[in-house]
Amino acid sequence: MTTPLTKLKIAPAGFIMMLVLVLDQLSKSLVRLYMDMHQSIPLLKDLFGDTFMLIHVQNTGAAFSLGFNNDLINRIFFITVTIFALGFIVYLLRRSQHRIQVVSFGFVLGGALGNLVDRIIYGGVTDFFSVDFPDFIMQRFPIFNVADSSIFIGVCLLVIDMLFIKDVPESNPEPETPLPEITTKEI
């Protein structure tokens, strides 16, 4: 069994988590302050047209606005699930075996906390990034925020860890039993 990393080694996760949380809450505050609900602003319109836009929306569901038909049930359910998920992620973080795991859990924790703060204070998550992809899957990608992006980055890093970083088994040599000494008298 491997031993968990020390607090010093998981400190980068705390730094990443706080950085993501601050950037997420700052960006959402600016959107809520300077944009009306459902207002859209094209980004780099001359270069990309309407491919990249800021659109202020409030999402009471989960990813892709999935959820129940009742905003209060959504709020209670997603707050509860997020709290349990945060506890599990912290548990996994404390058992991390590679630096990439520590970094990825920092991204996931920061994103989950950012969206949790929104759900607790505002009843839903403020989303504002809108990107248009080719229409072969959907017309536009669902609107997202910094927290969502952070969770996505963290999960991608975990997938990279699972696929490409091989765990080095801990070497625990079994104690050797000493061979009996053979003396010349026995021969």
N, C-alpha and C. Protein backbone atom coordinates (compact mmCIF):
# COMPACT_ATOMS: atom_id res chain seq x y z
N MET A 1 0.85 -1.19 0.00
CA MET A 1 0.00 0.00 0.00
C MET A 1 0.88 1.23 0.00
N THR A 2 0.52 2.20 -0.79
CA THR A 2 1.29 3.43 -0.84
C THR A 2 0.79 4.38 0.23
N THR A 3 1.67 5.24 0.65
CA THR A 3 1.30 6.20 1.68
C THR A 3 0.87 7.50 1.04
N PRO A 4 -0.06 8.23 1.63
CA PRO A 4 -0.49 9.50 1.05
C PRO A 4 0.63 10.53 1.12
N LEU A 5 0.55 11.49 0.23
CA LEU A 5 1.54 12.57 0.23
C LEU A 5 1.37 13.42 1.48
N THR A 6 2.42 14.08 1.87
CA THR A 6 2.34 14.95 3.04
C THR A 6 1.62 16.23 2.67
N LYS A 7 1.25 17.02 3.68
CA LYS A 7 0.54 18.28 3.43
C LYS A 7 1.36 19.20 2.55
N LEU A 8 2.67 19.17 2.71
CA LEU A 8 3.53 20.02 1.90
C LEU A 8 3.38 19.66 0.42
N LYS A 9 3.25 18.38 0.11
CA LYS A 9 3.17 17.95 -1.27
C LYS A 9 1.80 18.19 -1.89
N ILE A 10 0.75 18.33 -1.08
CA ILE A 10 -0.56 18.60 -1.66
C ILE A 10 -0.91 20.09 -1.61
N ALA A 11 0.01 20.89 -1.12
CA ALA A 11 -0.22 22.34 -1.06
C ALA A 11 -0.52 22.96 -2.43
N PRO A 12 0.09 22.50 -3.53
CA PRO A 12 -0.26 23.08 -4.83
C PRO A 12 -1.75 22.96 -5.16
N ALA A 13 -2.39 21.90 -4.71
CA ALA A 13 -3.83 21.75 -4.95
C ALA A 13 -4.60 22.88 -4.27
N GLY A 14 -4.21 23.23 -3.06
CA GLY A 14 -4.86 24.33 -2.34
C GLY A 14 -4.66 25.65 -3.05
N PHE A 15 -3.46 25.87 -3.57
CA PHE A 15 -3.18 27.12 -4.29
C PHE A 15 -4.01 27.19 -5.57
N ILE A 16 -4.03 26.09 -6.34
CA ILE A 16 -4.80 26.06 -7.58
C ILE A 16 -6.28 26.24 -7.28
N MET A 17 -6.77 25.56 -6.25
CA MET A 17 -8.18 25.67 -5.87
C MET A 17 -8.54 27.12 -5.55
N MET A 18 -7.73 27.80 -4.77
CA MET A 18 -8.03 29.19 -4.40
C MET A 18 -7.94 30.12 -5.62
N LEU A 19 -6.95 29.90 -6.47
CA LEU A 19 -6.81 30.72 -7.67
C LEU A 19 -8.03 30.57 -8.58
N VAL A 20 -8.46 29.34 -8.80
CA VAL A 20 -9.65 29.08 -9.63
C VAL A 20 -10.88 29.71 -9.00
N LEU A 21 -11.04 29.53 -7.69
CA LEU A 21 -12.20 30.08 -6.99
C LEU A 21 -12.25 31.60 -7.12
N VAL A 22 -11.13 32.27 -6.94
CA VAL A 22 -11.09 33.73 -7.05
C VAL A 22 -11.39 34.18 -8.48
N LEU A 23 -10.74 33.55 -9.47
CA LEU A 23 -10.98 33.93 -10.88
C LEU A 23 -12.43 33.67 -11.28
N ASP A 24 -12.97 32.54 -10.82
CA ASP A 24 -14.35 32.20 -11.15
C ASP A 24 -15.32 33.21 -10.55
N GLN A 25 -15.19 33.49 -9.27
CA GLN A 25 -16.12 34.40 -8.62
C GLN A 25 -15.96 35.83 -9.12
N LEU A 26 -14.73 36.24 -9.42
CA LEU A 26 -14.49 37.58 -9.97
C LEU A 26 -15.14 37.72 -11.35
N SER A 27 -14.95 36.72 -12.21
CA SER A 27 -15.52 36.80 -13.56
C SER A 27 -17.05 36.78 -13.50
N LYS A 28 -17.62 35.96 -12.64
CA LYS A 28 -19.08 35.90 -12.51
C LYS A 28 -19.63 37.21 -11.94
N SER A 29 -18.91 37.80 -11.00
CA SER A 29 -19.35 39.09 -10.43
C SER A 29 -19.36 40.17 -11.49
N LEU A 30 -18.33 40.19 -12.33
CA LEU A 30 -18.27 41.19 -13.41
C LEU A 30 -19.42 40.99 -14.40
N VAL A 31 -19.72 39.76 -14.72
CA VAL A 31 -20.84 39.48 -15.64
C VAL A 31 -22.15 39.94 -15.01
N ARG A 32 -22.38 39.57 -13.74
CA ARG A 32 -23.64 39.96 -13.08
C ARG A 32 -23.75 41.48 -12.94
N LEU A 33 -22.62 42.15 -12.77
CA LEU A 33 -22.61 43.59 -12.57
C LEU A 33 -22.79 44.37 -13.88
N TYR A 34 -22.16 43.91 -14.95
CA TYR A 34 -22.12 44.70 -16.18
C TYR A 34 -22.97 44.17 -17.33
N MET A 35 -23.58 43.00 -17.16
CA MET A 35 -24.40 42.45 -18.25
C MET A 35 -25.80 42.15 -17.75
N ASP A 36 -26.78 42.50 -18.56
CA ASP A 36 -28.16 42.13 -18.24
C ASP A 36 -28.33 40.64 -18.51
N MET A 37 -29.34 40.04 -17.88
CA MET A 37 -29.64 38.63 -18.13
C MET A 37 -29.94 38.42 -19.61
N HIS A 38 -29.31 37.44 -20.21
CA HIS A 38 -29.46 37.03 -21.62
C HIS A 38 -28.83 38.02 -22.60
N GLN A 39 -28.15 39.04 -22.11
CA GLN A 39 -27.41 39.94 -23.00
C GLN A 39 -26.23 39.18 -23.60
N SER A 40 -25.94 39.43 -24.87
CA SER A 40 -24.80 38.77 -25.50
C SER A 40 -23.86 39.79 -26.11
N ILE A 41 -22.59 39.50 -26.00
CA ILE A 41 -21.55 40.38 -26.53
C ILE A 41 -20.59 39.50 -27.35
N PRO A 42 -20.49 39.72 -28.67
CA PRO A 42 -19.53 38.95 -29.47
C PRO A 42 -18.09 39.33 -29.11
N LEU A 43 -17.21 38.35 -29.08
CA LEU A 43 -15.79 38.58 -28.81
C LEU A 43 -15.02 38.39 -30.11
N LEU A 44 -14.18 39.36 -30.45
CA LEU A 44 -13.37 39.33 -31.67
C LEU A 44 -14.26 39.09 -32.91
N LYS A 45 -15.33 39.86 -32.98
CA LYS A 45 -16.34 39.68 -34.04
C LYS A 45 -15.73 39.82 -35.43
N ASP A 46 -14.83 40.78 -35.62
CA ASP A 46 -14.23 40.99 -36.94
C ASP A 46 -13.41 39.77 -37.39
N LEU A 47 -12.85 39.06 -36.44
CA LEU A 47 -11.99 37.93 -36.75
C LEU A 47 -12.77 36.60 -36.81
N PHE A 48 -13.68 36.40 -35.85
CA PHE A 48 -14.36 35.10 -35.73
C PHE A 48 -15.87 35.16 -35.90
N GLY A 49 -16.45 36.31 -36.15
CA GLY A 49 -17.91 36.42 -36.26
C GLY A 49 -18.54 36.20 -34.90
N ASP A 50 -19.53 35.32 -34.85
CA ASP A 50 -20.19 35.07 -33.56
C ASP A 50 -19.73 33.74 -32.93
N THR A 51 -18.52 33.29 -33.28
CA THR A 51 -18.01 32.03 -32.74
C THR A 51 -17.82 32.11 -31.23
N PHE A 52 -17.27 33.21 -30.73
CA PHE A 52 -17.04 33.39 -29.30
C PHE A 52 -17.90 34.54 -28.80
N MET A 53 -18.72 34.26 -27.78
CA MET A 53 -19.60 35.29 -27.24
C MET A 53 -19.67 35.20 -25.73
N LEU A 54 -19.95 36.34 -25.12
CA LEU A 54 -20.33 36.37 -23.72
C LEU A 54 -21.85 36.47 -23.68
N ILE A 55 -22.49 35.55 -22.97
CA ILE A 55 -23.95 35.58 -22.82
C ILE A 55 -24.25 35.31 -21.36
N HIS A 56 -24.93 36.23 -20.71
CA HIS A 56 -25.23 36.10 -19.28
C HIS A 56 -26.47 35.23 -19.10
N VAL A 57 -26.29 34.05 -18.49
CA VAL A 57 -27.41 33.17 -18.16
C VAL A 57 -27.25 32.64 -16.74
N GLN A 58 -28.35 32.21 -16.18
CA GLN A 58 -28.36 31.60 -14.85
C GLN A 58 -28.82 30.15 -15.03
N ASN A 59 -27.99 29.21 -14.63
CA ASN A 59 -28.27 27.79 -14.81
C ASN A 59 -28.59 27.16 -13.46
N THR A 60 -29.82 26.69 -13.28
CA THR A 60 -30.20 26.04 -12.03
C THR A 60 -29.99 24.54 -12.10
N GLY A 61 -29.66 24.01 -13.28
CA GLY A 61 -29.43 22.58 -13.43
C GLY A 61 -27.95 22.26 -13.37
N ALA A 62 -27.60 21.12 -13.94
CA ALA A 62 -26.21 20.69 -13.99
C ALA A 62 -25.68 21.01 -15.39
N ALA A 63 -24.65 20.28 -15.80
CA ALA A 63 -24.09 20.48 -17.14
C ALA A 63 -25.19 20.30 -18.17
N PHE A 64 -25.15 21.10 -19.22
CA PHE A 64 -26.14 21.09 -20.29
C PHE A 64 -27.55 21.42 -19.76
N SER A 65 -27.61 22.10 -18.62
CA SER A 65 -28.87 22.50 -17.97
C SER A 65 -29.74 21.31 -17.59
N LEU A 66 -29.13 20.17 -17.38
CA LEU A 66 -29.88 18.99 -16.95
C LEU A 66 -30.27 19.13 -15.49
N GLY A 67 -31.44 18.67 -15.15
CA GLY A 67 -31.88 18.73 -13.77
C GLY A 67 -33.36 18.41 -13.66
N PHE A 68 -33.89 18.70 -12.51
CA PHE A 68 -35.31 18.48 -12.25
C PHE A 68 -36.10 19.70 -12.72
N ASN A 69 -37.40 19.59 -12.81
CA ASN A 69 -38.24 20.69 -13.27
C ASN A 69 -38.52 21.71 -12.18
N ASN A 70 -37.94 21.55 -11.02
CA ASN A 70 -38.18 22.44 -9.90
C ASN A 70 -36.85 23.05 -9.46
N ASP A 71 -36.75 24.39 -9.50
CA ASP A 71 -35.49 25.05 -9.15
C ASP A 71 -35.06 24.79 -7.71
N LEU A 72 -36.00 24.73 -6.77
CA LEU A 72 -35.65 24.47 -5.37
C LEU A 72 -35.09 23.06 -5.20
N ILE A 73 -35.70 22.08 -5.86
CA ILE A 73 -35.19 20.71 -5.79
C ILE A 73 -33.80 20.65 -6.42
N ASN A 74 -33.62 21.31 -7.56
CA ASN A 74 -32.29 21.37 -8.19
C ASN A 74 -31.26 21.94 -7.22
N ARG A 75 -31.62 23.04 -6.58
CA ARG A 75 -30.69 23.72 -5.68
C ARG A 75 -30.27 22.79 -4.54
N ILE A 76 -31.25 22.20 -3.87
CA ILE A 76 -30.96 21.31 -2.74
C ILE A 76 -30.17 20.09 -3.20
N PHE A 77 -30.61 19.48 -4.30
CA PHE A 77 -29.95 18.27 -4.80
C PHE A 77 -28.50 18.55 -5.17
N PHE A 78 -28.26 19.61 -5.97
CA PHE A 78 -26.91 19.86 -6.46
C PHE A 78 -25.98 20.38 -5.36
N ILE A 79 -26.50 21.09 -4.38
CA ILE A 79 -25.67 21.50 -3.24
C ILE A 79 -25.24 20.26 -2.46
N THR A 80 -26.19 19.37 -2.20
CA THR A 80 -25.89 18.15 -1.45
C THR A 80 -24.88 17.27 -2.18
N VAL A 81 -25.11 17.04 -3.47
CA VAL A 81 -24.21 16.21 -4.26
C VAL A 81 -22.82 16.84 -4.31
N THR A 82 -22.74 18.15 -4.47
CA THR A 82 -21.45 18.83 -4.53
C THR A 82 -20.69 18.69 -3.23
N ILE A 83 -21.37 18.81 -2.10
CA ILE A 83 -20.69 18.69 -0.80
C ILE A 83 -20.12 17.28 -0.64
N PHE A 84 -20.90 16.26 -1.00
CA PHE A 84 -20.39 14.89 -0.92
C PHE A 84 -19.23 14.69 -1.89
N ALA A 85 -19.34 15.23 -3.09
CA ALA A 85 -18.27 15.11 -4.08
C ALA A 85 -17.00 15.79 -3.60
N LEU A 86 -17.14 16.96 -2.99
CA LEU A 86 -15.96 17.67 -2.47
C LEU A 86 -15.25 16.82 -1.41
N GLY A 87 -16.02 16.19 -0.54
CA GLY A 87 -15.42 15.33 0.48
C GLY A 87 -14.67 14.17 -0.15
N PHE A 88 -15.25 13.56 -1.17
CA PHE A 88 -14.60 12.44 -1.85
C PHE A 88 -13.34 12.90 -2.58
N ILE A 89 -13.39 14.08 -3.20
CA ILE A 89 -12.22 14.60 -3.92
C ILE A 89 -11.09 14.89 -2.94
N VAL A 90 -11.40 15.45 -1.78
CA VAL A 90 -10.37 15.69 -0.77
C VAL A 90 -9.76 14.36 -0.32
N TYR A 91 -10.59 13.34 -0.14
CA TYR A 91 -10.09 12.01 0.22
C TYR A 91 -9.11 11.52 -0.85
N LEU A 92 -9.51 11.63 -2.13
CA LEU A 92 -8.63 11.20 -3.22
C LEU A 92 -7.35 12.03 -3.27
N LEU A 93 -7.49 13.32 -3.02
CA LEU A 93 -6.32 14.20 -3.02
C LEU A 93 -5.31 13.74 -1.98
N ARG A 94 -5.78 13.40 -0.81
CA ARG A 94 -4.88 12.98 0.26
C ARG A 94 -4.20 11.64 -0.06
N ARG A 95 -4.74 10.90 -1.01
CA ARG A 95 -4.16 9.62 -1.42
C ARG A 95 -3.43 9.73 -2.76
N SER A 96 -3.26 10.94 -3.25
CA SER A 96 -2.60 11.14 -4.55
C SER A 96 -1.20 10.55 -4.55
N GLN A 97 -0.84 10.00 -5.71
CA GLN A 97 0.47 9.38 -5.85
C GLN A 97 1.37 10.12 -6.83
N HIS A 98 0.79 11.04 -7.60
CA HIS A 98 1.57 11.77 -8.60
C HIS A 98 1.22 13.25 -8.53
N ARG A 99 2.15 14.06 -8.94
CA ARG A 99 1.94 15.51 -8.96
C ARG A 99 0.78 15.89 -9.86
N ILE A 100 0.61 15.18 -10.98
CA ILE A 100 -0.49 15.51 -11.89
C ILE A 100 -1.84 15.28 -11.21
N GLN A 101 -1.93 14.30 -10.32
CA GLN A 101 -3.17 14.08 -9.57
C GLN A 101 -3.43 15.24 -8.62
N VAL A 102 -2.39 15.71 -7.96
CA VAL A 102 -2.54 16.84 -7.04
C VAL A 102 -3.04 18.07 -7.80
N VAL A 103 -2.44 18.34 -8.94
CA VAL A 103 -2.83 19.49 -9.75
C VAL A 103 -4.27 19.33 -10.25
N SER A 104 -4.60 18.15 -10.75
CA SER A 104 -5.95 17.94 -11.28
C SER A 104 -7.01 18.07 -10.20
N PHE A 105 -6.76 17.54 -9.01
CA PHE A 105 -7.73 17.67 -7.93
C PHE A 105 -7.87 19.13 -7.49
N GLY A 106 -6.80 19.91 -7.60
CA GLY A 106 -6.89 21.34 -7.31
C GLY A 106 -7.84 22.05 -8.27
N PHE A 107 -7.75 21.71 -9.56
CA PHE A 107 -8.65 22.29 -10.56
C PHE A 107 -10.10 21.89 -10.29
N VAL A 108 -10.31 20.59 -10.00
CA VAL A 108 -11.68 20.11 -9.78
C VAL A 108 -12.26 20.74 -8.51
N LEU A 109 -11.48 20.80 -7.44
CA LEU A 109 -11.97 21.41 -6.19
C LEU A 109 -12.33 22.88 -6.39
N GLY A 110 -11.47 23.62 -7.07
CA GLY A 110 -11.73 25.04 -7.31
C GLY A 110 -13.00 25.25 -8.12
N GLY A 111 -13.19 24.45 -9.16
CA GLY A 111 -14.39 24.57 -9.98
C GLY A 111 -15.65 24.18 -9.23
N ALA A 112 -15.57 23.10 -8.48
CA ALA A 112 -16.74 22.65 -7.73
C ALA A 112 -17.12 23.68 -6.66
N LEU A 113 -16.13 24.23 -5.99
CA LEU A 113 -16.42 25.26 -4.98
C LEU A 113 -16.99 26.52 -5.61
N GLY A 114 -16.48 26.90 -6.78
CA GLY A 114 -17.00 28.09 -7.46
C GLY A 114 -18.47 27.96 -7.79
N ASN A 115 -18.86 26.82 -8.32
CA ASN A 115 -20.26 26.62 -8.66
C ASN A 115 -21.11 26.42 -7.40
N LEU A 116 -20.53 25.82 -6.35
CA LEU A 116 -21.26 25.65 -5.09
C LEU A 116 -21.60 27.01 -4.47
N VAL A 117 -20.65 27.93 -4.49
CA VAL A 117 -20.89 29.28 -3.96
C VAL A 117 -22.07 29.92 -4.68
N ASP A 118 -22.09 29.80 -6.01
CA ASP A 118 -23.21 30.37 -6.79
C ASP A 118 -24.55 29.75 -6.40
N ARG A 119 -24.56 28.43 -6.27
CA ARG A 119 -25.82 27.75 -5.94
C ARG A 119 -26.33 28.17 -4.56
N ILE A 120 -25.42 28.31 -3.62
CA ILE A 120 -25.82 28.70 -2.26
C ILE A 120 -26.32 30.14 -2.24
N ILE A 121 -25.58 31.06 -2.86
CA ILE A 121 -25.91 32.49 -2.77
C ILE A 121 -27.01 32.89 -3.75
N TYR A 122 -26.93 32.40 -5.00
CA TYR A 122 -27.83 32.89 -6.04
C TYR A 122 -28.89 31.87 -6.47
N GLY A 123 -28.82 30.66 -5.99
CA GLY A 123 -29.80 29.64 -6.37
C GLY A 123 -29.48 28.93 -7.66
N GLY A 124 -28.51 29.39 -8.39
CA GLY A 124 -28.09 28.77 -9.65
C GLY A 124 -26.71 29.28 -10.00
N VAL A 125 -26.15 28.73 -11.05
CA VAL A 125 -24.78 29.06 -11.47
C VAL A 125 -24.81 30.08 -12.59
N THR A 126 -23.99 31.12 -12.46
CA THR A 126 -23.86 32.12 -13.52
C THR A 126 -22.93 31.57 -14.60
N ASP A 127 -23.44 31.43 -15.80
CA ASP A 127 -22.64 31.00 -16.96
C ASP A 127 -22.58 32.15 -17.96
N PHE A 128 -21.48 32.18 -18.75
CA PHE A 128 -21.35 33.32 -19.66
C PHE A 128 -20.50 33.08 -20.90
N PHE A 129 -19.70 32.03 -20.98
CA PHE A 129 -18.91 31.77 -22.18
C PHE A 129 -19.75 30.95 -23.16
N SER A 130 -19.81 31.41 -24.40
CA SER A 130 -20.53 30.68 -25.44
C SER A 130 -19.61 30.52 -26.64
N VAL A 131 -19.48 29.27 -27.10
CA VAL A 131 -18.61 28.96 -28.22
C VAL A 131 -19.41 28.18 -29.25
N ASP A 132 -19.26 28.57 -30.51
CA ASP A 132 -19.95 27.87 -31.59
C ASP A 132 -18.99 26.85 -32.20
N PHE A 133 -19.44 25.61 -32.25
CA PHE A 133 -18.69 24.55 -32.89
C PHE A 133 -19.38 24.22 -34.20
N PRO A 134 -18.72 23.51 -35.09
CA PRO A 134 -19.41 23.09 -36.31
C PRO A 134 -20.71 22.36 -35.95
N ASP A 135 -21.72 22.54 -36.76
CA ASP A 135 -23.07 22.07 -36.45
C ASP A 135 -23.27 20.56 -36.55
N PHE A 136 -22.25 19.76 -36.60
CA PHE A 136 -22.47 18.33 -36.75
C PHE A 136 -22.93 17.67 -35.45
N ILE A 137 -22.71 18.27 -34.30
CA ILE A 137 -23.17 17.69 -33.04
C ILE A 137 -24.32 18.51 -32.46
N MET A 138 -24.13 19.80 -32.35
CA MET A 138 -25.15 20.69 -31.80
C MET A 138 -24.95 22.07 -32.40
N GLN A 139 -25.96 22.91 -32.27
CA GLN A 139 -25.88 24.23 -32.88
C GLN A 139 -24.80 25.08 -32.21
N ARG A 140 -24.84 25.17 -30.89
CA ARG A 140 -23.80 25.86 -30.12
C ARG A 140 -23.49 25.02 -28.91
N PHE A 141 -22.26 25.08 -28.47
CA PHE A 141 -21.88 24.37 -27.25
C PHE A 141 -22.59 25.03 -26.07
N PRO A 142 -23.00 24.29 -25.04
CA PRO A 142 -23.67 24.90 -23.89
C PRO A 142 -22.80 25.98 -23.24
N ILE A 143 -23.44 27.00 -22.75
CA ILE A 143 -22.76 28.13 -22.12
C ILE A 143 -22.12 27.66 -20.82
N PHE A 144 -20.89 28.12 -20.54
CA PHE A 144 -20.14 27.64 -19.39
C PHE A 144 -19.43 28.80 -18.71
N ASN A 145 -18.65 28.50 -17.66
CA ASN A 145 -17.93 29.52 -16.90
C ASN A 145 -16.53 29.03 -16.55
N VAL A 146 -15.80 29.82 -15.77
CA VAL A 146 -14.44 29.46 -15.38
C VAL A 146 -14.42 28.19 -14.55
N ALA A 147 -15.38 28.03 -13.64
CA ALA A 147 -15.44 26.83 -12.80
C ALA A 147 -15.63 25.58 -13.65
N ASP A 148 -16.54 25.65 -14.61
CA ASP A 148 -16.78 24.51 -15.50
C ASP A 148 -15.51 24.15 -16.27
N SER A 149 -14.82 25.17 -16.77
CA SER A 149 -13.58 24.94 -17.51
C SER A 149 -12.53 24.30 -16.62
N SER A 150 -12.46 24.75 -15.39
CA SER A 150 -11.49 24.21 -14.43
C SER A 150 -11.76 22.73 -14.14
N ILE A 151 -13.03 22.39 -13.95
CA ILE A 151 -13.38 20.98 -13.72
C ILE A 151 -13.00 20.15 -14.94
N PHE A 152 -13.28 20.66 -16.13
CA PHE A 152 -12.94 19.95 -17.37
C PHE A 152 -11.43 19.72 -17.46
N ILE A 153 -10.64 20.75 -17.17
CA ILE A 153 -9.17 20.62 -17.21
C ILE A 153 -8.71 19.58 -16.20
N GLY A 154 -9.26 19.63 -14.99
CA GLY A 154 -8.88 18.66 -13.97
C GLY A 154 -9.20 17.23 -14.37
N VAL A 155 -10.37 17.01 -14.94
CA VAL A 155 -10.76 15.67 -15.37
C VAL A 155 -9.87 15.20 -16.53
N CYS A 156 -9.54 16.09 -17.46
CA CYS A 156 -8.63 15.73 -18.55
C CYS A 156 -7.27 15.31 -18.01
N LEU A 157 -6.76 16.03 -17.02
CA LEU A 157 -5.48 15.66 -16.41
C LEU A 157 -5.56 14.30 -15.72
N LEU A 158 -6.69 14.01 -15.09
CA LEU A 158 -6.86 12.70 -14.46
C LEU A 158 -6.89 11.58 -15.50
N VAL A 159 -7.54 11.84 -16.64
CA VAL A 159 -7.56 10.85 -17.72
C VAL A 159 -6.15 10.62 -18.24
N ILE A 160 -5.39 11.69 -18.43
CA ILE A 160 -4.00 11.56 -18.87
C ILE A 160 -3.21 10.73 -17.86
N ASP A 161 -3.44 11.00 -16.58
CA ASP A 161 -2.76 10.24 -15.52
C ASP A 161 -3.12 8.76 -15.62
N MET A 162 -4.39 8.46 -15.79
CA MET A 162 -4.83 7.06 -15.84
C MET A 162 -4.30 6.33 -17.07
N LEU A 163 -4.21 7.03 -18.20
CA LEU A 163 -3.81 6.38 -19.44
C LEU A 163 -2.30 6.29 -19.64
N PHE A 164 -1.58 7.31 -19.19
CA PHE A 164 -0.17 7.40 -19.57
C PHE A 164 0.82 7.32 -18.42
N ILE A 165 0.40 7.58 -17.22
CA ILE A 165 1.35 7.55 -16.10
C ILE A 165 1.14 6.25 -15.35
N LYS A 166 2.14 5.44 -15.38
CA LYS A 166 2.04 4.13 -14.73
C LYS A 166 2.51 4.25 -13.29
N ASP A 167 1.71 3.64 -12.41
CA ASP A 167 2.11 3.62 -11.00
C ASP A 167 3.32 2.72 -10.84
N VAL A 168 4.30 3.23 -10.15
CA VAL A 168 5.48 2.43 -9.85
C VAL A 168 5.19 1.70 -8.55
N PRO A 169 5.20 0.38 -8.58
CA PRO A 169 4.89 -0.33 -7.34
C PRO A 169 5.92 -0.02 -6.27
N GLU A 170 5.40 0.13 -5.08
CA GLU A 170 6.27 0.42 -3.95
C GLU A 170 7.09 -0.83 -3.68
N SER A 171 8.41 -0.65 -3.52
CA SER A 171 9.26 -1.82 -3.28
C SER A 171 9.30 -2.13 -1.79
N ASN A 172 8.72 -3.25 -1.46
CA ASN A 172 8.74 -3.75 -0.08
C ASN A 172 9.37 -5.13 -0.11
N PRO A 173 10.69 -5.16 -0.12
CA PRO A 173 11.31 -6.48 -0.20
C PRO A 173 10.97 -7.30 1.04
N GLU A 174 10.67 -8.56 0.77
CA GLU A 174 10.37 -9.44 1.90
C GLU A 174 11.68 -9.77 2.61
N PRO A 175 11.61 -9.89 3.91
CA PRO A 175 12.85 -10.20 4.62
C PRO A 175 13.36 -11.57 4.19
N GLU A 176 14.64 -11.57 3.92
CA GLU A 176 15.25 -12.82 3.49
C GLU A 176 15.53 -13.69 4.70
N THR A 177 15.27 -14.96 4.53
CA THR A 177 15.65 -15.86 5.61
C THR A 177 17.11 -16.24 5.40
N PRO A 178 17.88 -16.11 6.43
CA PRO A 178 19.32 -16.41 6.25
C PRO A 178 19.53 -17.89 5.96
N LEU A 179 20.44 -18.14 5.04
CA LEU A 179 20.78 -19.52 4.72
C LEU A 179 21.64 -20.08 5.85
N PRO A 180 21.44 -21.31 6.15
CA PRO A 180 22.29 -21.87 7.22
C PRO A 180 23.74 -21.93 6.73
N GLU A 181 24.62 -21.64 7.65
CA GLU A 181 26.04 -21.69 7.29
C GLU A 181 26.50 -23.13 7.21
N ILE A 182 27.24 -23.39 6.20
CA ILE A 182 27.77 -24.73 6.03
C ILE A 182 29.24 -24.69 6.42
N THR A 183 29.59 -25.54 7.31
CA THR A 183 30.99 -25.58 7.75
C THR A 183 31.67 -26.76 7.05
N THR A 184 32.95 -26.73 7.10
CA THR A 184 33.73 -27.78 6.44
C THR A 184 33.55 -29.12 7.13
N LYS A 185 33.19 -29.12 8.42
CA LYS A 185 33.01 -30.38 9.14
C LYS A 185 31.79 -31.12 8.60
N GLU A 186 30.77 -30.40 8.12
CA GLU A 186 29.56 -31.04 7.64
C GLU A 186 29.74 -31.66 6.28
N ILE A 187 30.74 -31.23 5.55
CA ILE A 187 30.96 -31.76 4.20
C ILE A 187 31.68 -33.03 4.23
